[in-house]
Amino acid sequence: MRRFIEIMWLAIAAVSVVEIIIAYKQQGASSRNLQMFGVVLVVALFMYFLRKRQRKNIDSNNSGK
């Protein structure tokens, strides 16, 4: 289940990248959509790496017991 959540955060990041590209092509760099999806992209990548690190720590603690 933890791995699935990591993959979902990557999917959210991928969708954000696509939306950023579309917004940039349609409205330029000052687009509100570009800014919003930029924030979503940063949060999604942060959450992915945070969850990945947490999962690895949990797995290593469980294997040591």
N, C-alpha and C. Protein backbone atom coordinates (compact mmCIF):
# COMPACT_ATOMS: atom_id res chain seq x y z
N MET A 1 0.82 -1.20 0.00
CA MET A 1 0.00 0.00 0.00
C MET A 1 0.86 1.26 0.00
N ARG A 2 1.95 1.23 0.75
CA ARG A 2 2.82 2.42 0.80
C ARG A 2 3.43 2.72 -0.57
N ARG A 3 3.80 1.67 -1.29
CA ARG A 3 4.37 1.85 -2.62
C ARG A 3 3.34 2.44 -3.58
N PHE A 4 2.09 2.01 -3.44
CA PHE A 4 1.01 2.53 -4.27
C PHE A 4 0.85 4.04 -4.06
N ILE A 5 0.94 4.48 -2.82
CA ILE A 5 0.82 5.90 -2.52
C ILE A 5 1.97 6.68 -3.16
N GLU A 6 3.17 6.10 -3.13
CA GLU A 6 4.31 6.75 -3.79
C GLU A 6 4.05 6.91 -5.29
N ILE A 7 3.52 5.87 -5.90
CA ILE A 7 3.23 5.91 -7.34
C ILE A 7 2.15 6.95 -7.63
N MET A 8 1.18 7.08 -6.74
CA MET A 8 0.14 8.09 -6.94
C MET A 8 0.72 9.50 -6.89
N TRP A 9 1.68 9.75 -6.00
CA TRP A 9 2.32 11.06 -5.95
C TRP A 9 3.10 11.33 -7.23
N LEU A 10 3.73 10.29 -7.78
CA LEU A 10 4.43 10.47 -9.06
C LEU A 10 3.45 10.76 -10.19
N ALA A 11 2.29 10.11 -10.16
CA ALA A 11 1.26 10.36 -11.18
C ALA A 11 0.75 11.79 -11.09
N ILE A 12 0.55 12.28 -9.88
CA ILE A 12 0.12 13.67 -9.70
C ILE A 12 1.19 14.62 -10.25
N ALA A 13 2.45 14.32 -10.00
CA ALA A 13 3.54 15.14 -10.52
C ALA A 13 3.56 15.13 -12.05
N ALA A 14 3.32 13.95 -12.64
CA ALA A 14 3.32 13.85 -14.11
C ALA A 14 2.18 14.65 -14.72
N VAL A 15 1.01 14.56 -14.13
CA VAL A 15 -0.14 15.33 -14.62
C VAL A 15 0.15 16.83 -14.49
N SER A 16 0.78 17.21 -13.42
CA SER A 16 1.13 18.62 -13.22
C SER A 16 2.09 19.11 -14.29
N VAL A 17 3.07 18.29 -14.65
CA VAL A 17 4.02 18.68 -15.69
C VAL A 17 3.29 18.89 -17.01
N VAL A 18 2.38 17.99 -17.34
CA VAL A 18 1.61 18.13 -18.59
C VAL A 18 0.78 19.42 -18.55
N GLU A 19 0.13 19.67 -17.44
CA GLU A 19 -0.69 20.88 -17.32
C GLU A 19 0.16 22.15 -17.38
N ILE A 20 1.36 22.10 -16.82
CA ILE A 20 2.26 23.25 -16.89
C ILE A 20 2.65 23.54 -18.34
N ILE A 21 2.95 22.49 -19.08
CA ILE A 21 3.32 22.66 -20.49
C ILE A 21 2.16 23.24 -21.29
N ILE A 22 0.96 22.72 -21.07
CA ILE A 22 -0.22 23.22 -21.78
C ILE A 22 -0.48 24.68 -21.42
N ALA A 23 -0.42 25.00 -20.14
CA ALA A 23 -0.67 26.39 -19.71
C ALA A 23 0.37 27.34 -20.29
N TYR A 24 1.62 26.91 -20.33
CA TYR A 24 2.69 27.76 -20.87
C TYR A 24 2.47 28.02 -22.35
N LYS A 25 2.09 26.98 -23.09
CA LYS A 25 1.89 27.15 -24.54
C LYS A 25 0.68 28.02 -24.84
N GLN A 26 -0.36 27.92 -24.03
CA GLN A 26 -1.59 28.67 -24.30
C GLN A 26 -1.54 30.10 -23.79
N GLN A 27 -0.98 30.31 -22.59
CA GLN A 27 -1.11 31.61 -21.95
C GLN A 27 0.21 32.27 -21.57
N GLY A 28 1.31 31.58 -21.72
CA GLY A 28 2.59 32.17 -21.39
C GLY A 28 2.99 31.93 -19.94
N ALA A 29 4.10 32.54 -19.56
CA ALA A 29 4.70 32.27 -18.25
C ALA A 29 3.94 32.91 -17.09
N SER A 30 3.06 33.85 -17.36
CA SER A 30 2.35 34.53 -16.27
C SER A 30 0.98 33.91 -15.99
N SER A 31 0.76 32.73 -16.49
CA SER A 31 -0.54 32.06 -16.33
C SER A 31 -0.76 31.63 -14.89
N ARG A 32 -1.99 31.78 -14.40
CA ARG A 32 -2.33 31.32 -13.05
C ARG A 32 -2.29 29.79 -12.98
N ASN A 33 -2.72 29.11 -14.04
CA ASN A 33 -2.67 27.65 -14.06
C ASN A 33 -1.23 27.15 -13.96
N LEU A 34 -0.33 27.82 -14.63
CA LEU A 34 1.07 27.44 -14.59
C LEU A 34 1.61 27.56 -13.16
N GLN A 35 1.28 28.63 -12.51
CA GLN A 35 1.74 28.84 -11.13
C GLN A 35 1.12 27.81 -10.18
N MET A 36 -0.16 27.56 -10.34
CA MET A 36 -0.85 26.63 -9.46
C MET A 36 -0.29 25.21 -9.63
N PHE A 37 -0.15 24.77 -10.87
CA PHE A 37 0.36 23.42 -11.10
C PHE A 37 1.86 23.33 -10.78
N GLY A 38 2.56 24.44 -10.82
CA GLY A 38 3.95 24.45 -10.37
C GLY A 38 4.04 24.14 -8.88
N VAL A 39 3.15 24.74 -8.11
CA VAL A 39 3.11 24.46 -6.67
C VAL A 39 2.71 23.01 -6.43
N VAL A 40 1.71 22.53 -7.17
CA VAL A 40 1.28 21.13 -7.02
C VAL A 40 2.42 20.18 -7.36
N LEU A 41 3.20 20.50 -8.39
CA LEU A 41 4.34 19.68 -8.78
C LEU A 41 5.38 19.61 -7.66
N VAL A 42 5.70 20.74 -7.08
CA VAL A 42 6.70 20.77 -6.00
C VAL A 42 6.20 19.96 -4.80
N VAL A 43 4.94 20.14 -4.43
CA VAL A 43 4.39 19.41 -3.29
C VAL A 43 4.36 17.91 -3.57
N ALA A 44 3.96 17.52 -4.78
CA ALA A 44 3.89 16.11 -5.13
C ALA A 44 5.28 15.46 -5.09
N LEU A 45 6.28 16.13 -5.61
CA LEU A 45 7.63 15.58 -5.57
C LEU A 45 8.15 15.49 -4.14
N PHE A 46 7.86 16.51 -3.33
CA PHE A 46 8.26 16.47 -1.93
C PHE A 46 7.61 15.30 -1.21
N MET A 47 6.32 15.11 -1.42
CA MET A 47 5.60 14.03 -0.77
C MET A 47 6.10 12.66 -1.25
N TYR A 48 6.43 12.55 -2.53
CA TYR A 48 6.96 11.29 -3.05
C TYR A 48 8.25 10.92 -2.32
N PHE A 49 9.20 11.85 -2.26
CA PHE A 49 10.48 11.54 -1.62
C PHE A 49 10.33 11.34 -0.12
N LEU A 50 9.43 12.07 0.51
CA LEU A 50 9.18 11.89 1.94
C LEU A 50 8.60 10.50 2.21
N ARG A 51 7.60 10.11 1.44
CA ARG A 51 6.98 8.79 1.63
C ARG A 51 7.95 7.66 1.32
N LYS A 52 8.78 7.87 0.31
CA LYS A 52 9.76 6.84 -0.05
C LYS A 52 10.75 6.64 1.09
N ARG A 53 11.23 7.73 1.67
CA ARG A 53 12.16 7.64 2.78
C ARG A 53 11.50 6.98 3.99
N GLN A 54 10.25 7.34 4.26
CA GLN A 54 9.53 6.73 5.38
C GLN A 54 9.34 5.23 5.17
N ARG A 55 9.00 4.84 3.95
CA ARG A 55 8.80 3.42 3.66
C ARG A 55 10.09 2.64 3.85
N LYS A 56 11.19 3.20 3.38
CA LYS A 56 12.48 2.51 3.53
C LYS A 56 12.86 2.37 5.01
N ASN A 57 12.61 3.41 5.79
CA ASN A 57 12.89 3.33 7.22
C ASN A 57 12.02 2.28 7.90
N ILE A 58 10.77 2.24 7.56
CA ILE A 58 9.86 1.25 8.14
C ILE A 58 10.27 -0.17 7.74
N ASP A 59 10.62 -0.34 6.45
CA ASP A 59 11.05 -1.67 5.97
C ASP A 59 12.32 -2.11 6.67
N SER A 60 13.26 -1.20 6.85
CA SER A 60 14.51 -1.60 7.50
C SER A 60 14.28 -1.90 8.98
N ASN A 61 13.38 -1.19 9.63
CA ASN A 61 13.07 -1.48 11.03
C ASN A 61 12.35 -2.82 11.17
N ASN A 62 11.47 -3.13 10.24
CA ASN A 62 10.73 -4.39 10.29
C ASN A 62 11.62 -5.59 9.99
N SER A 63 12.61 -5.41 9.13
CA SER A 63 13.49 -6.55 8.80
C SER A 63 14.48 -6.83 9.93
N GLY A 64 14.74 -5.84 10.76
CA GLY A 64 15.68 -6.02 11.88
C GLY A 64 15.05 -6.71 13.08
N LYS A 65 13.75 -6.78 13.12
CA LYS A 65 13.07 -7.38 14.28
C LYS A 65 12.95 -8.87 14.16
